[in-house]
Amino acid sequence: MSVPAPAILTAPVAAPVATSYWRLVSRRLARDPATLIAGSLLGAIVLAAVLAPALAPYDPAAGSIRMRLSPIGTVGHPLGTDEQGRDMLSRLLFGGRMTLLAGLTPIVVACLFGGVLGILAGYLGGAANSIIMRASDIFYAFPAILLAIAISGALGPGLGNTLISLSVVFLPRIIRVAEAVTVQTKSLEYVAAARASGAGSWPIVRYHLLPNVLAPILVFTSTQVSLSIILAAGLSFLGLGVTPPAAEWGLMLNTLRQSIYVDAWVPALPGVAIFVVSMAFNLLSDGLRDAMEVRG
């Protein structure tokens, strides 16, 4: 009588875990030093702007004629004072709040409304596509700065009108990108298979279109933030944006432009702040775009 051979015990082999798309994106971002530096710098600037009431050593609107145009390094005023003797460090901190608000809010508004309109135009096609895209083409035909100046000039100066004008400027740009990405995604095989299986429009949009079109829309939107900040500062510089005595970097450039012959360094500080923030946003958007180009 033969004895059966003992069974060989083998440990179960774990199935390979598929790494998610966003985990791959985060890994690529973590290996990009330029993006990390830009993100850290922006985080510090945003944190300083949010905590401006606690960090600012003086009231940004309180001035002293006796201390006007003090140079950088003055005791009690490390970044000097402006033409009215107001502390530049305090005004830069509070100005960052206003500049970031004026630059980021229109992008968020345009991304929300432009993304929805672009996806609808791309998915529905036909008359809906023609109406939405031709209407956006009317605004897209004008250069961004001219359109912003025209709308702000018609509405008048003020933060609210600046937000409205810049939102209108960026809305057609995002609509065009969202429509193009949606049309391209809608023609893919898995969308056709879902439609052939009897899936309705909302499930197709929710489960098949949105996960694939949101990333390109967000990447493009991030590239527009620096332009929005520059336009917001430009409107304030021209007197069409934030009004005095509010602290805003573009407005500070305007009020300090005559002081450049007395001390060139203090008037240059708001311009340097705008340049640094714009470059940081550009580097961050470039890194985000490269990281999201993950295949497989």
C-alpha atoms as a PDB file:
ATOM      1  CA  MET A   1       0.000   0.000   0.000  1.00  0.00           C
ATOM      2  CA  SER A   2       1.595   3.217  -1.111  1.00  0.00           C
ATOM      3  CA  VAL A   3       1.766   6.179   1.213  1.00  0.00           C
ATOM      4  CA  PRO A   4       0.596   9.436  -0.334  1.00  0.00           C
ATOM      5  CA  ALA A   5       3.256  12.080  -0.651  1.00  0.00           C
ATOM      6  CA  PRO A   6       2.942  14.934   1.831  1.00  0.00           C
ATOM      7  CA  ALA A   7       1.301  18.004   0.473  1.00  0.00           C
ATOM      8  CA  ILE A   8       3.640  20.873  -0.235  1.00  0.00           C
ATOM      9  CA  LEU A   9       2.526  23.946   1.605  1.00  0.00           C
ATOM     10  CA  THR A  10       3.112  27.142  -0.295  1.00  0.00           C
ATOM     11  CA  ALA A  11       2.478  30.615   0.991  1.00  0.00           C
ATOM     12  CA  PRO A  12      -0.110  32.529  -0.956  1.00  0.00           C
ATOM     13  CA  VAL A  13       1.422  34.947  -3.396  1.00  0.00           C
ATOM     14  CA  ALA A  14       0.079  38.447  -3.000  1.00  0.00           C
ATOM     15  CA  ALA A  15      -1.301  39.957  -6.129  1.00  0.00           C
ATOM     16  CA  PRO A  16       0.604  43.007  -7.313  1.00  0.00           C
ATOM     17  CA  VAL A  17      -1.044  46.157  -6.115  1.00  0.00           C
ATOM     18  CA  ALA A  18      -1.633  48.604  -8.898  1.00  0.00           C
ATOM     19  CA  THR A  19      -0.151  51.948  -8.040  1.00  0.00           C
ATOM     20  CA  SER A  20      -2.740  54.667  -8.415  1.00  0.00           C
ATOM     21  CA  TYR A  21      -2.326  57.510 -10.851  1.00  0.00           C
ATOM     22  CA  TRP A  22      -2.093  60.182  -8.176  1.00  0.00           C
ATOM     23  CA  ARG A  23       0.519  58.185  -6.273  1.00  0.00           C
ATOM     24  CA  LEU A  24       2.669  58.162  -9.390  1.00  0.00           C
ATOM     25  CA  VAL A  25       2.135  61.897  -9.766  1.00  0.00           C
ATOM     26  CA  SER A  26       3.175  62.526  -6.160  1.00  0.00           C
ATOM     27  CA  ARG A  27       6.299  60.381  -6.621  1.00  0.00           C
ATOM     28  CA  ARG A  28       7.345  62.325  -9.696  1.00  0.00           C
ATOM     29  CA  LEU A  29       6.736  65.624  -7.914  1.00  0.00           C
ATOM     30  CA  ALA A  30       8.845  64.447  -4.978  1.00  0.00           C
ATOM     31  CA  ARG A  31      11.774  63.828  -7.354  1.00  0.00           C
ATOM     32  CA  ASP A  32      11.599  67.299  -8.922  1.00  0.00           C
ATOM     33  CA  PRO A  33      13.715  69.733  -6.852  1.00  0.00           C
ATOM     34  CA  ALA A  34      12.635  72.843  -8.786  1.00  0.00           C
ATOM     35  CA  THR A  35       8.974  72.068  -8.159  1.00  0.00           C
ATOM     36  CA  LEU A  36       9.608  71.351  -4.483  1.00  0.00           C
ATOM     37  CA  ILE A  37      11.492  74.620  -4.027  1.00  0.00           C
ATOM     38  CA  ALA A  38       8.797  76.588  -5.863  1.00  0.00           C
ATOM     39  CA  GLY A  39       6.035  74.910  -3.860  1.00  0.00           C
ATOM     40  CA  SER A  40       7.835  75.537  -0.567  1.00  0.00           C
ATOM     41  CA  LEU A  41       8.412  79.181  -1.480  1.00  0.00           C
ATOM     42  CA  LEU A  42       4.770  79.656  -2.415  1.00  0.00           C
ATOM     43  CA  GLY A  43       3.673  77.937   0.762  1.00  0.00           C
ATOM     44  CA  ALA A  44       5.816  80.318   2.807  1.00  0.00           C
ATOM     45  CA  ILE A  45       4.469  83.369   0.932  1.00  0.00           C
ATOM     46  CA  VAL A  46       0.849  82.263   1.337  1.00  0.00           C
ATOM     47  CA  LEU A  47       1.415  81.513   5.026  1.00  0.00           C
ATOM     48  CA  ALA A  48       3.026  84.925   5.543  1.00  0.00           C
ATOM     49  CA  ALA A  49       0.109  86.610   3.779  1.00  0.00           C
ATOM     50  CA  VAL A  50      -2.458  84.732   5.861  1.00  0.00           C
ATOM     51  CA  LEU A  51      -0.607  85.550   9.090  1.00  0.00           C
ATOM     52  CA  ALA A  52       0.072  89.153   8.067  1.00  0.00           C
ATOM     53  CA  PRO A  53      -1.851  90.671  11.032  1.00  0.00           C
ATOM     54  CA  ALA A  54       0.353  88.712  13.425  1.00  0.00           C
ATOM     55  CA  LEU A  55       3.639  89.122  11.517  1.00  0.00           C
ATOM     56  CA  ALA A  56       3.436  92.761  10.427  1.00  0.00           C
ATOM     57  CA  PRO A  57       5.300  95.009  12.889  1.00  0.00           C
ATOM     58  CA  TYR A  58       3.182  98.095  12.064  1.00  0.00           C
ATOM     59  CA  ASP A  59      -0.210  99.107  10.788  1.00  0.00           C
ATOM     60  CA  PRO A  60       0.181  99.104   6.977  1.00  0.00           C
ATOM     61  CA  ALA A  61      -1.857 102.316   6.676  1.00  0.00           C
ATOM     62  CA  ALA A  62      -0.071 104.252   9.439  1.00  0.00           C
ATOM     63  CA  GLY A  63       2.606 106.608   8.141  1.00  0.00           C
ATOM     64  CA  SER A  64       5.020 109.229   9.378  1.00  0.00           C
ATOM     65  CA  ILE A  65       6.226 112.145   7.275  1.00  0.00           C
ATOM     66  CA  ARG A  66       9.380 112.264   9.363  1.00  0.00           C
ATOM     67  CA  MET A  67      10.252 108.680   8.316  1.00  0.00           C
ATOM     68  CA  ARG A  68       9.245 108.894   4.634  1.00  0.00           C
ATOM     69  CA  LEU A  69      11.464 107.073   2.107  1.00  0.00           C
ATOM     70  CA  SER A  70      13.728 105.555   4.744  1.00  0.00           C
ATOM     71  CA  PRO A  71      16.252 103.209   3.091  1.00  0.00           C
ATOM     72  CA  ILE A  72      16.464  99.460   3.551  1.00  0.00           C
ATOM     73  CA  GLY A  73      18.100  98.603   6.851  1.00  0.00           C
ATOM     74  CA  THR A  74      16.663 101.502   8.824  1.00  0.00           C
ATOM     75  CA  VAL A  75      16.311 100.699  12.523  1.00  0.00           C
ATOM     76  CA  GLY A  76      12.736  99.587  13.143  1.00  0.00           C
ATOM     77  CA  HIS A  77      12.020  99.409   9.396  1.00  0.00           C
ATOM     78  CA  PRO A  78      14.209  96.630   7.920  1.00  0.00           C
ATOM     79  CA  LEU A  79      12.756  97.110   4.413  1.00  0.00           C
ATOM     80  CA  GLY A  80      12.482 100.891   4.647  1.00  0.00           C
ATOM     81  CA  THR A  81       9.373 103.032   4.289  1.00  0.00           C
ATOM     82  CA  ASP A  82       7.334 104.352   1.364  1.00  0.00           C
ATOM     83  CA  GLU A  83       6.571 107.907   0.239  1.00  0.00           C
ATOM     84  CA  GLN A  84       4.216 108.418   3.194  1.00  0.00           C
ATOM     85  CA  GLY A  85       6.482 106.878   5.817  1.00  0.00           C
ATOM     86  CA  ARG A  86       4.570 103.589   5.990  1.00  0.00           C
ATOM     87  CA  ASP A  87       6.521 100.467   6.859  1.00  0.00           C
ATOM     88  CA  MET A  88       7.323  98.519   3.691  1.00  0.00           C
ATOM     89  CA  LEU A  89       7.545  95.117   5.383  1.00  0.00           C
ATOM     90  CA  SER A  90       4.041  95.510   6.802  1.00  0.00           C
ATOM     91  CA  ARG A  91       2.658  96.716   3.470  1.00  0.00           C
ATOM     92  CA  LEU A  92       4.323  93.864   1.565  1.00  0.00           C
ATOM     93  CA  LEU A  93       2.789  91.317   3.936  1.00  0.00           C
ATOM     94  CA  PHE A  94      -0.700  92.796   3.673  1.00  0.00           C
ATOM     95  CA  GLY A  95      -0.210  93.463  -0.031  1.00  0.00           C
ATOM     96  CA  GLY A  96       0.476  89.783  -0.579  1.00  0.00           C
ATOM     97  CA  ARG A  97      -2.989  88.970   0.760  1.00  0.00           C
ATOM     98  CA  MET A  98      -4.640  91.366  -1.677  1.00  0.00           C
ATOM     99  CA  THR A  99      -2.490  90.363  -4.661  1.00  0.00           C
ATOM    100  CA  LEU A 100      -2.963  86.632  -4.133  1.00  0.00           C
ATOM    101  CA  LEU A 101      -6.695  87.112  -3.631  1.00  0.00           C
ATOM    102  CA  ALA A 102      -6.975  89.166  -6.821  1.00  0.00           C
ATOM    103  CA  GLY A 103      -4.865  86.671  -8.751  1.00  0.00           C
ATOM    104  CA  LEU A 104      -6.211  83.330  -7.528  1.00  0.00           C
ATOM    105  CA  THR A 105      -9.939  84.021  -7.217  1.00  0.00           C
ATOM    106  CA  PRO A 106     -10.535  84.678 -10.947  1.00  0.00           C
ATOM    107  CA  ILE A 107      -8.691  81.467 -11.817  1.00  0.00           C
ATOM    108  CA  VAL A 108     -10.826  79.414  -9.430  1.00  0.00           C
ATOM    109  CA  VAL A 109     -14.045  80.989 -10.740  1.00  0.00           C
ATOM    110  CA  ALA A 110     -13.012  80.560 -14.379  1.00  0.00           C
ATOM    111  CA  CYS A 111     -11.946  76.956 -13.751  1.00  0.00           C
ATOM    112  CA  LEU A 112     -15.302  76.046 -12.202  1.00  0.00           C
ATOM    113  CA  PHE A 113     -17.574  77.730 -14.737  1.00  0.00           C
ATOM    114  CA  GLY A 114     -15.270  77.307 -17.725  1.00  0.00           C
ATOM    115  CA  GLY A 115     -14.701  73.641 -16.987  1.00  0.00           C
ATOM    116  CA  VAL A 116     -18.426  72.945 -16.762  1.00  0.00           C
ATOM    117  CA  LEU A 117     -19.236  74.878 -19.938  1.00  0.00           C
ATOM    118  CA  GLY A 118     -16.352  73.316 -21.857  1.00  0.00           C
ATOM    119  CA  ILE A 119     -17.277  69.770 -20.848  1.00  0.00           C
ATOM    120  CA  LEU A 120     -20.903  70.399 -21.782  1.00  0.00           C
ATOM    121  CA  ALA A 121     -19.898  71.853 -25.145  1.00  0.00           C
ATOM    122  CA  GLY A 122     -17.579  68.947 -25.892  1.00  0.00           C
ATOM    123  CA  TYR A 123     -19.944  66.203 -24.781  1.00  0.00           C
ATOM    124  CA  LEU A 124     -23.225  67.541 -26.172  1.00  0.00           C
ATOM    125  CA  GLY A 125     -21.848  68.907 -29.438  1.00  0.00           C
ATOM    126  CA  GLY A 126     -24.218  70.318 -32.027  1.00  0.00           C
ATOM    127  CA  ALA A 127     -26.004  73.578 -31.241  1.00  0.00           C
ATOM    128  CA  ALA A 128     -24.822  73.644 -27.622  1.00  0.00           C
ATOM    129  CA  ASN A 129     -21.204  73.427 -28.770  1.00  0.00           C
ATOM    130  CA  SER A 130     -21.695  76.165 -31.354  1.00  0.00           C
ATOM    131  CA  ILE A 131     -23.352  78.582 -28.920  1.00  0.00           C
ATOM    132  CA  ILE A 132     -20.826  78.100 -26.115  1.00  0.00           C
ATOM    133  CA  MET A 133     -17.720  78.099 -28.306  1.00  0.00           C
ATOM    134  CA  ARG A 134     -18.731  81.046 -30.520  1.00  0.00           C
ATOM    135  CA  ALA A 135     -19.578  83.103 -27.439  1.00  0.00           C
ATOM    136  CA  SER A 136     -16.193  82.301 -25.916  1.00  0.00           C
ATOM    137  CA  ASP A 137     -14.436  83.106 -29.201  1.00  0.00           C
ATOM    138  CA  ILE A 138     -15.760  86.667 -29.016  1.00  0.00           C
ATOM    139  CA  PHE A 139     -13.887  87.280 -25.763  1.00  0.00           C
ATOM    140  CA  TYR A 140     -10.891  85.156 -26.725  1.00  0.00           C
ATOM    141  CA  ALA A 141     -10.299  87.337 -29.798  1.00  0.00           C
ATOM    142  CA  PHE A 142      -9.117  90.221 -27.597  1.00  0.00           C
ATOM    143  CA  PRO A 143      -5.674  90.268 -25.921  1.00  0.00           C
ATOM    144  CA  ALA A 144      -5.968  89.496 -22.227  1.00  0.00           C
ATOM    145  CA  ILE A 145      -4.617  92.810 -20.960  1.00  0.00           C
ATOM    146  CA  LEU A 146      -6.793  94.887 -23.311  1.00  0.00           C
ATOM    147  CA  LEU A 147      -9.923  92.954 -22.380  1.00  0.00           C
ATOM    148  CA  ALA A 148      -9.144  93.307 -18.667  1.00  0.00           C
ATOM    149  CA  ILE A 149      -8.568  97.061 -19.040  1.00  0.00           C
ATOM    150  CA  ALA A 150     -11.762  97.494 -21.071  1.00  0.00           C
ATOM    151  CA  ILE A 151     -13.958  95.635 -18.577  1.00  0.00           C
ATOM    152  CA  SER A 152     -12.350  97.255 -15.533  1.00  0.00           C
ATOM    153  CA  GLY A 153     -12.642 100.672 -17.156  1.00  0.00           C
ATOM    154  CA  ALA A 154     -16.335 100.091 -17.808  1.00  0.00           C
ATOM    155  CA  LEU A 155     -17.050  98.743 -14.310  1.00  0.00           C
ATOM    156  CA  GLY A 156     -14.779 101.127 -12.428  1.00  0.00           C
ATOM    157  CA  PRO A 157     -11.907 100.520  -9.976  1.00  0.00           C
ATOM    158  CA  GLY A 158     -12.243  98.243  -6.993  1.00  0.00           C
ATOM    159  CA  LEU A 159     -11.363  94.724  -5.922  1.00  0.00           C
ATOM    160  CA  GLY A 160     -14.765  93.260  -6.841  1.00  0.00           C
ATOM    161  CA  ASN A 161     -14.676  94.681 -10.358  1.00  0.00           C
ATOM    162  CA  THR A 162     -11.115  93.419 -10.786  1.00  0.00           C
ATOM    163  CA  LEU A 163     -12.225  89.900  -9.898  1.00  0.00           C
ATOM    164  CA  ILE A 164     -15.108  90.115 -12.383  1.00  0.00           C
ATOM    165  CA  SER A 165     -12.945  91.418 -15.226  1.00  0.00           C
ATOM    166  CA  LEU A 166     -10.194  88.831 -14.748  1.00  0.00           C
ATOM    167  CA  SER A 167     -12.730  86.010 -14.443  1.00  0.00           C
ATOM    168  CA  VAL A 168     -14.156  87.027 -17.821  1.00  0.00           C
ATOM    169  CA  VAL A 169     -10.656  87.142 -19.292  1.00  0.00           C
ATOM    170  CA  PHE A 170      -9.762  83.581 -18.269  1.00  0.00           C
ATOM    171  CA  LEU A 171     -13.177  81.991 -18.771  1.00  0.00           C
ATOM    172  CA  PRO A 172     -12.911  81.482 -22.590  1.00  0.00           C
ATOM    173  CA  ARG A 173      -9.381  80.092 -22.292  1.00  0.00           C
ATOM    174  CA  ILE A 174     -10.475  77.321 -19.946  1.00  0.00           C
ATOM    175  CA  ILE A 175     -13.634  76.664 -21.963  1.00  0.00           C
ATOM    176  CA  ARG A 176     -11.560  76.000 -25.089  1.00  0.00           C
ATOM    177  CA  VAL A 177      -9.206  73.611 -23.290  1.00  0.00           C
ATOM    178  CA  ALA A 178     -12.035  71.745 -21.533  1.00  0.00           C
ATOM    179  CA  GLU A 179     -13.977  71.399 -24.802  1.00  0.00           C
ATOM    180  CA  ALA A 180     -10.965  70.096 -26.732  1.00  0.00           C
ATOM    181  CA  VAL A 181     -10.054  67.536 -24.054  1.00  0.00           C
ATOM    182  CA  THR A 182     -13.669  66.380 -23.750  1.00  0.00           C
ATOM    183  CA  VAL A 183     -14.068  65.901 -27.513  1.00  0.00           C
ATOM    184  CA  GLN A 184     -10.840  63.895 -27.610  1.00  0.00           C
ATOM    185  CA  THR A 185     -11.831  61.727 -24.639  1.00  0.00           C
ATOM    186  CA  LYS A 186     -15.386  61.206 -25.882  1.00  0.00           C
ATOM    187  CA  SER A 187     -14.062  59.543 -29.037  1.00  0.00           C
ATOM    188  CA  LEU A 188     -12.098  56.870 -27.147  1.00  0.00           C
ATOM    189  CA  GLU A 189     -13.184  53.242 -27.240  1.00  0.00           C
ATOM    190  CA  TYR A 190     -14.127  52.790 -23.591  1.00  0.00           C
ATOM    191  CA  VAL A 191     -16.612  55.668 -23.807  1.00  0.00           C
ATOM    192  CA  ALA A 192     -18.154  54.132 -26.916  1.00  0.00           C
ATOM    193  CA  ALA A 193     -18.319  50.771 -25.133  1.00  0.00           C
ATOM    194  CA  ALA A 194     -20.053  52.342 -22.136  1.00  0.00           C
ATOM    195  CA  ARG A 195     -22.563  54.032 -24.418  1.00  0.00           C
ATOM    196  CA  ALA A 196     -23.172  50.760 -26.307  1.00  0.00           C
ATOM    197  CA  SER A 197     -23.791  48.940 -23.037  1.00  0.00           C
ATOM    198  CA  GLY A 198     -26.691  51.273 -22.300  1.00  0.00           C
ATOM    199  CA  ALA A 199     -25.047  53.643 -19.824  1.00  0.00           C
ATOM    200  CA  GLY A 200     -26.731  57.020 -19.514  1.00  0.00           C
ATOM    201  CA  SER A 201     -25.125  60.405 -20.114  1.00  0.00           C
ATOM    202  CA  TRP A 202     -24.538  61.216 -16.444  1.00  0.00           C
ATOM    203  CA  PRO A 203     -22.764  57.917 -15.594  1.00  0.00           C
ATOM    204  CA  ILE A 204     -20.585  58.300 -18.700  1.00  0.00           C
ATOM    205  CA  VAL A 205     -19.654  61.865 -17.763  1.00  0.00           C
ATOM    206  CA  ARG A 206     -19.112  61.016 -14.114  1.00  0.00           C
ATOM    207  CA  TYR A 207     -17.160  57.773 -14.395  1.00  0.00           C
ATOM    208  CA  HIS A 208     -15.482  58.008 -17.792  1.00  0.00           C
ATOM    209  CA  LEU A 209     -15.094  61.643 -18.818  1.00  0.00           C
ATOM    210  CA  LEU A 210     -14.419  63.571 -15.609  1.00  0.00           C
ATOM    211  CA  PRO A 211     -11.535  61.415 -14.297  1.00  0.00           C
ATOM    212  CA  ASN A 212      -9.751  61.832 -17.630  1.00  0.00           C
ATOM    213  CA  VAL A 213     -10.419  65.479 -18.429  1.00  0.00           C
ATOM    214  CA  LEU A 214      -9.930  67.052 -14.988  1.00  0.00           C
ATOM    215  CA  ALA A 215      -6.156  66.580 -14.925  1.00  0.00           C
ATOM    216  CA  PRO A 216      -5.478  68.450 -18.228  1.00  0.00           C
ATOM    217  CA  ILE A 217      -7.880  71.215 -17.193  1.00  0.00           C
ATOM    218  CA  LEU A 218      -6.183  71.630 -13.809  1.00  0.00           C
ATOM    219  CA  VAL A 219      -2.721  71.635 -15.389  1.00  0.00           C
ATOM    220  CA  PHE A 220      -3.709  74.352 -17.847  1.00  0.00           C
ATOM    221  CA  THR A 221      -5.415  76.334 -15.105  1.00  0.00           C
ATOM    222  CA  SER A 222      -2.259  76.266 -12.999  1.00  0.00           C
ATOM    223  CA  THR A 223      -0.300  77.812 -15.875  1.00  0.00           C
ATOM    224  CA  GLN A 224      -2.652  80.819 -15.868  1.00  0.00           C
ATOM    225  CA  VAL A 225      -2.166  81.765 -12.210  1.00  0.00           C
ATOM    226  CA  SER A 226       1.016  83.772 -12.774  1.00  0.00           C
ATOM    227  CA  LEU A 227      -0.603  85.672 -15.652  1.00  0.00           C
ATOM    228  CA  SER A 228      -3.611  86.426 -13.467  1.00  0.00           C
ATOM    229  CA  ILE A 229      -1.388  87.831 -10.707  1.00  0.00           C
ATOM    230  CA  ILE A 230       0.472  90.018 -13.209  1.00  0.00           C
ATOM    231  CA  LEU A 231      -2.792  91.284 -14.729  1.00  0.00           C
ATOM    232  CA  ALA A 232      -4.264  92.033 -11.297  1.00  0.00           C
ATOM    233  CA  ALA A 233      -1.134  93.963 -10.321  1.00  0.00           C
ATOM    234  CA  GLY A 234      -1.163  95.729 -13.694  1.00  0.00           C
ATOM    235  CA  LEU A 235      -4.761  96.886 -13.250  1.00  0.00           C
ATOM    236  CA  SER A 236      -3.913  98.269  -9.810  1.00  0.00           C
ATOM    237  CA  PHE A 237      -0.842  99.971 -11.246  1.00  0.00           C
ATOM    238  CA  LEU A 238      -3.050 101.676 -13.848  1.00  0.00           C
ATOM    239  CA  GLY A 239      -5.575 102.764 -11.216  1.00  0.00           C
ATOM    240  CA  LEU A 240      -8.235 100.289 -12.380  1.00  0.00           C
ATOM    241  CA  GLY A 241      -7.818  97.725  -9.628  1.00  0.00           C
ATOM    242  CA  VAL A 242      -7.479  97.984  -5.874  1.00  0.00           C
ATOM    243  CA  THR A 243      -7.851 101.563  -4.666  1.00  0.00           C
ATOM    244  CA  PRO A 244      -5.802 103.418  -2.018  1.00  0.00           C
ATOM    245  CA  PRO A 245      -5.074 103.230   0.841  1.00  0.00           C
ATOM    246  CA  ALA A 246      -5.208  99.425   0.539  1.00  0.00           C
ATOM    247  CA  ALA A 247      -1.863  97.646   0.345  1.00  0.00           C
ATOM    248  CA  GLU A 248      -1.467  95.806  -2.965  1.00  0.00           C
ATOM    249  CA  TRP A 249       1.775  95.168  -4.813  1.00  0.00           C
ATOM    250  CA  GLY A 250       0.695  96.707  -8.127  1.00  0.00           C
ATOM    251  CA  LEU A 251      -0.733  99.764  -6.378  1.00  0.00           C
ATOM    252  CA  MET A 252       2.462 100.086  -4.341  1.00  0.00           C
ATOM    253  CA  LEU A 253       4.469 100.148  -7.576  1.00  0.00           C
ATOM    254  CA  ASN A 254       2.238 102.934  -8.834  1.00  0.00           C
ATOM    255  CA  THR A 255       2.575 105.124  -5.754  1.00  0.00           C
ATOM    256  CA  LEU A 256       6.330 104.523  -5.464  1.00  0.00           C
ATOM    257  CA  ARG A 257       7.269 105.070  -9.107  1.00  0.00           C
ATOM    258  CA  GLN A 258       8.197 108.735  -8.528  1.00  0.00           C
ATOM    259  CA  SER A 259      10.424 107.761  -5.604  1.00  0.00           C
ATOM    260  CA  ILE A 260      12.759 105.700  -7.753  1.00  0.00           C
ATOM    261  CA  TYR A 261      15.009 108.733  -8.243  1.00  0.00           C
ATOM    262  CA  VAL A 262      15.435 109.110  -4.481  1.00  0.00           C
ATOM    263  CA  ASP A 263      16.000 105.445  -3.579  1.00  0.00           C
ATOM    264  CA  ALA A 264      15.706 102.786  -6.267  1.00  0.00           C
ATOM    265  CA  TRP A 265      15.723  99.815  -3.899  1.00  0.00           C
ATOM    266  CA  VAL A 266      12.609 100.467  -1.832  1.00  0.00           C
ATOM    267  CA  PRO A 267      10.314 101.085  -4.859  1.00  0.00           C
ATOM    268  CA  ALA A 268      11.627  97.885  -6.453  1.00  0.00           C
ATOM    269  CA  LEU A 269      10.449  95.658  -3.587  1.00  0.00           C
ATOM    270  CA  PRO A 270       6.819  95.206  -4.789  1.00  0.00           C
ATOM    271  CA  GLY A 271       8.074  94.424  -8.290  1.00  0.00           C
ATOM    272  CA  VAL A 272      10.477  91.829  -6.921  1.00  0.00           C
ATOM    273  CA  ALA A 273       7.614  90.261  -4.937  1.00  0.00           C
ATOM    274  CA  ILE A 274       5.445  90.040  -8.070  1.00  0.00           C
ATOM    275  CA  PHE A 275       8.337  88.537 -10.046  1.00  0.00           C
ATOM    276  CA  VAL A 276       9.153  85.919  -7.390  1.00  0.00           C
ATOM    277  CA  VAL A 277       5.539  84.804  -6.973  1.00  0.00           C
ATOM    278  CA  SER A 278       4.964  84.644 -10.744  1.00  0.00           C
ATOM    279  CA  MET A 279       8.114  82.612 -11.351  1.00  0.00           C
ATOM    280  CA  ALA A 280       7.277  80.268  -8.477  1.00  0.00           C
ATOM    281  CA  PHE A 281       3.820  79.623  -9.922  1.00  0.00           C
ATOM    282  CA  ASN A 282       5.332  79.035 -13.373  1.00  0.00           C
ATOM    283  CA  LEU A 283       7.830  76.496 -12.010  1.00  0.00           C
ATOM    284  CA  LEU A 284       5.117  74.771  -9.975  1.00  0.00           C
ATOM    285  CA  SER A 285       2.769  74.525 -12.963  1.00  0.00           C
ATOM    286  CA  ASP A 286       5.561  73.164 -15.180  1.00  0.00           C
ATOM    287  CA  GLY A 287       6.400  70.526 -12.597  1.00  0.00           C
ATOM    288  CA  LEU A 288       2.738  69.636 -12.187  1.00  0.00           C
ATOM    289  CA  ARG A 289       2.328  69.295 -15.942  1.00  0.00           C
ATOM    290  CA  ASP A 290       5.363  67.016 -16.256  1.00  0.00           C
ATOM    291  CA  ALA A 291       4.286  64.904 -13.289  1.00  0.00           C
ATOM    292  CA  MET A 292       0.804  64.376 -14.680  1.00  0.00           C
ATOM    293  CA  GLU A 293       2.138  63.081 -17.987  1.00  0.00           C
ATOM    294  CA  VAL A 294       2.250  59.566 -16.534  1.00  0.00           C
ATOM    295  CA  ARG A 295       1.721  56.681 -18.890  1.00  0.00           C
ATOM    296  CA  GLY A 296       1.036  53.118 -17.963  1.00  0.00           C
END
